[in-house]
Each structure stands twice: as C-alpha cells, then as structure tokens.
Amino acid sequence: MERKIISVAAFMGMTAIVLGAFGAHALKKELSVEQLSSFETGVKYQMYHALFLLFLGQVSNLSEKVKKRVFQLVLFGVFFFSGSIYLLTTKAITGIDFRFIGIVTPIGGALLIVAWGVLFWYILKSKR
C-alpha cells in the first residue's frame, strides 16, 4: 500500500507543478484574475495533498485499512475539488460550460476534510 500511496503522491505533485506552470504562463493571458486565482487554488490543494500522501505513505503506526481509507478519500477529494476547479475556470479556453459539475467542488472539499479527520482520529487512537 505504501508504494501505491507514494507513487500517486509523486504523480499528483508532478502534475500540480505542470498545471501550476501552465496556469502561470499559458493561462495568464486567457483567464481573468479571478479565474486564474481559482485555478491556482486547485493547484495548491492538489500539491498540499500530494505532500499529505507522502506523509501517509511513511506513517508506520496506522493499519493498511486506515491508510487505504485515507488514501481513497484524498484521491477522490482532489479529483473532485481540484479537478472541478480546473474545468470550471477554463471555460474561456475550452468553450464548454462546466457549471453543472460545480456541486462536486464542495463534495471534494468535504472528502479532504474527512481524510484529515480520519487521520487525526486514528493517530489519537493509536498506541505509542
């Protein structure tokens, strides 16, 4: 499980950097300041959670079941939260109105909060 978590963390970190550079250079002329700021929020949360997964992969006092649960919450949370932000903010480029997926942004955020909460709970519960 650790290898899978760390591999996904590395991929998420790499793509966050690529998307951040894409936003800073290619999208700067295409998006409004507000849209670009929202896009950057998606990138930041993706990177924060890539680092979170690196940490999760290294924690030794959690069961595989807990790690898997937290991993899945983070994976779906980032996909819904950051992914929906990327789509919603790039309408000017794609020409596609993704407003209908706007509801998944807060769902993704909630999944990320739950992932941190589950980690917090099991760290408190674990024996030293």
Protein backbone atom coordinates (compact mmCIF):
# COMPACT_ATOMS: atom_id res chain seq x y z
CA MET A 1 0.00 0.00 0.00
CA GLU A 2 2.84 2.39 0.84
CA ARG A 3 4.33 2.10 -2.65
CA LYS A 4 0.97 2.86 -4.24
CA ILE A 5 0.36 5.87 -1.96
CA ILE A 6 3.81 7.31 -2.57
CA SER A 7 3.56 6.72 -6.33
CA VAL A 8 0.24 8.55 -6.50
CA ALA A 9 1.68 11.32 -4.32
CA ALA A 10 4.60 11.74 -6.73
CA PHE A 11 2.26 11.82 -9.72
CA MET A 12 -0.04 14.33 -8.04
CA GLY A 13 2.92 16.53 -7.12
CA MET A 14 4.34 16.36 -10.63
CA THR A 15 1.03 17.22 -12.27
CA ALA A 16 0.45 20.04 -9.77
CA ILE A 17 3.74 21.60 -10.87
CA VAL A 18 2.87 21.14 -14.55
CA LEU A 19 -0.59 22.63 -14.05
CA GLY A 20 0.83 25.49 -11.97
CA ALA A 21 3.31 26.35 -14.70
CA PHE A 22 0.58 26.03 -17.34
CA GLY A 23 -1.61 28.39 -15.33
CA ALA A 24 1.15 30.91 -14.72
CA HIS A 25 2.28 31.03 -18.34
CA ALA A 26 -0.31 29.79 -20.82
CA LEU A 27 -3.49 30.70 -18.95
CA LYS A 28 -2.34 34.10 -17.69
CA LYS A 29 -3.43 35.78 -20.93
CA GLU A 30 -6.60 33.74 -21.32
CA LEU A 31 -8.23 33.86 -17.89
CA SER A 32 -9.42 36.69 -15.70
CA VAL A 33 -7.54 37.41 -12.47
CA GLU A 34 -10.37 35.75 -10.53
CA GLN A 35 -10.36 32.64 -12.73
CA LEU A 36 -6.58 32.37 -12.51
CA SER A 37 -6.74 32.70 -8.72
CA SER A 38 -9.31 29.89 -8.57
CA PHE A 39 -7.16 27.73 -10.86
CA GLU A 40 -4.18 28.34 -8.55
CA THR A 41 -6.32 27.27 -5.58
CA GLY A 42 -6.92 23.93 -7.29
CA VAL A 43 -3.17 23.56 -7.89
CA LYS A 44 -2.32 24.45 -4.26
CA TYR A 45 -4.78 21.93 -2.83
CA GLN A 46 -3.52 19.25 -5.18
CA MET A 47 0.07 19.90 -4.06
CA TYR A 48 -0.86 20.06 -0.37
CA HIS A 49 -2.49 16.67 -0.67
CA ALA A 50 0.39 15.19 -2.67
CA LEU A 51 2.56 16.06 0.33
CA PHE A 52 -0.11 14.69 2.65
CA LEU A 53 0.02 11.37 0.79
CA LEU A 54 3.82 11.29 1.02
CA PHE A 55 3.44 11.64 4.78
CA LEU A 56 0.69 8.99 4.88
CA GLY A 57 2.91 6.54 3.00
CA GLN A 58 5.61 6.95 5.65
CA VAL A 59 3.47 6.69 8.80
CA SER A 60 4.14 3.37 10.48
CA ASN A 61 1.54 3.27 13.24
CA LEU A 62 -1.54 3.08 11.01
CA SER A 63 -3.10 -0.10 9.70
CA GLU A 64 -3.28 -0.80 5.98
CA LYS A 65 -7.06 -0.45 6.22
CA VAL A 66 -6.82 3.08 7.64
CA LYS A 67 -4.16 4.08 5.11
CA LYS A 68 -6.32 2.78 2.29
CA ARG A 69 -9.37 4.67 3.57
CA VAL A 70 -7.48 7.96 3.93
CA PHE A 71 -5.79 7.43 0.55
CA GLN A 72 -9.14 6.93 -1.18
CA LEU A 73 -10.66 9.98 0.50
CA VAL A 74 -7.73 12.14 -0.61
CA LEU A 75 -7.70 10.73 -4.13
CA PHE A 76 -11.40 11.36 -4.71
CA GLY A 77 -11.28 14.63 -2.80
CA VAL A 78 -8.52 16.06 -5.01
CA PHE A 79 -10.16 14.71 -8.16
CA PHE A 80 -13.48 16.34 -7.28
CA PHE A 81 -12.15 19.54 -5.70
CA SER A 82 -9.18 20.45 -7.86
CA GLY A 83 -10.46 18.71 -10.98
CA SER A 84 -13.75 20.58 -10.94
CA ILE A 85 -11.96 23.89 -10.35
CA TYR A 86 -9.70 23.25 -13.35
CA LEU A 87 -12.73 22.59 -15.54
CA LEU A 88 -14.83 25.44 -14.18
CA THR A 89 -12.11 28.05 -14.61
CA THR A 90 -11.03 27.12 -18.14
CA LYS A 91 -14.37 27.72 -19.87
CA ALA A 92 -12.82 30.61 -21.81
CA ILE A 93 -10.38 28.17 -23.42
CA THR A 94 -12.48 25.03 -23.81
CA GLY A 95 -15.73 26.76 -24.67
CA ILE A 96 -17.50 24.19 -22.51
CA ASP A 97 -19.71 25.38 -19.68
CA PHE A 98 -18.99 23.02 -16.80
CA ARG A 99 -21.27 24.79 -14.30
CA PHE A 100 -23.26 21.58 -13.88
CA ILE A 101 -20.27 19.99 -12.11
CA GLY A 102 -19.94 22.88 -9.66
CA ILE A 103 -21.64 20.78 -6.99
CA VAL A 104 -18.70 18.37 -6.84
CA THR A 105 -16.25 21.07 -5.72
CA PRO A 106 -17.63 21.25 -2.14
CA ILE A 107 -18.05 17.46 -2.10
CA GLY A 108 -14.34 17.15 -2.91
CA GLY A 109 -13.52 19.65 -0.18
CA ALA A 110 -15.61 17.68 2.30
CA LEU A 111 -13.79 14.45 1.35
CA LEU A 112 -10.45 16.16 2.00
CA ILE A 113 -11.63 17.37 5.40
CA VAL A 114 -12.84 13.87 6.27
CA ALA A 115 -9.46 12.41 5.19
CA TRP A 116 -7.64 14.71 7.62
CA GLY A 117 -10.21 13.91 10.30
CA VAL A 118 -9.80 10.16 9.87
CA LEU A 119 -6.02 10.50 10.09
CA PHE A 120 -6.37 12.68 13.19
CA TRP A 121 -8.73 10.19 14.85
CA TYR A 122 -6.57 7.14 14.20
CA ILE A 123 -3.35 8.88 15.23
CA LEU A 124 -5.02 9.80 18.54
CA LYS A 125 -6.30 6.25 18.95
CA SER A 126 -3.02 4.54 18.11
CA LYS A 127 -0.83 3.24 20.86
CA ARG A 128 2.57 4.80 21.20
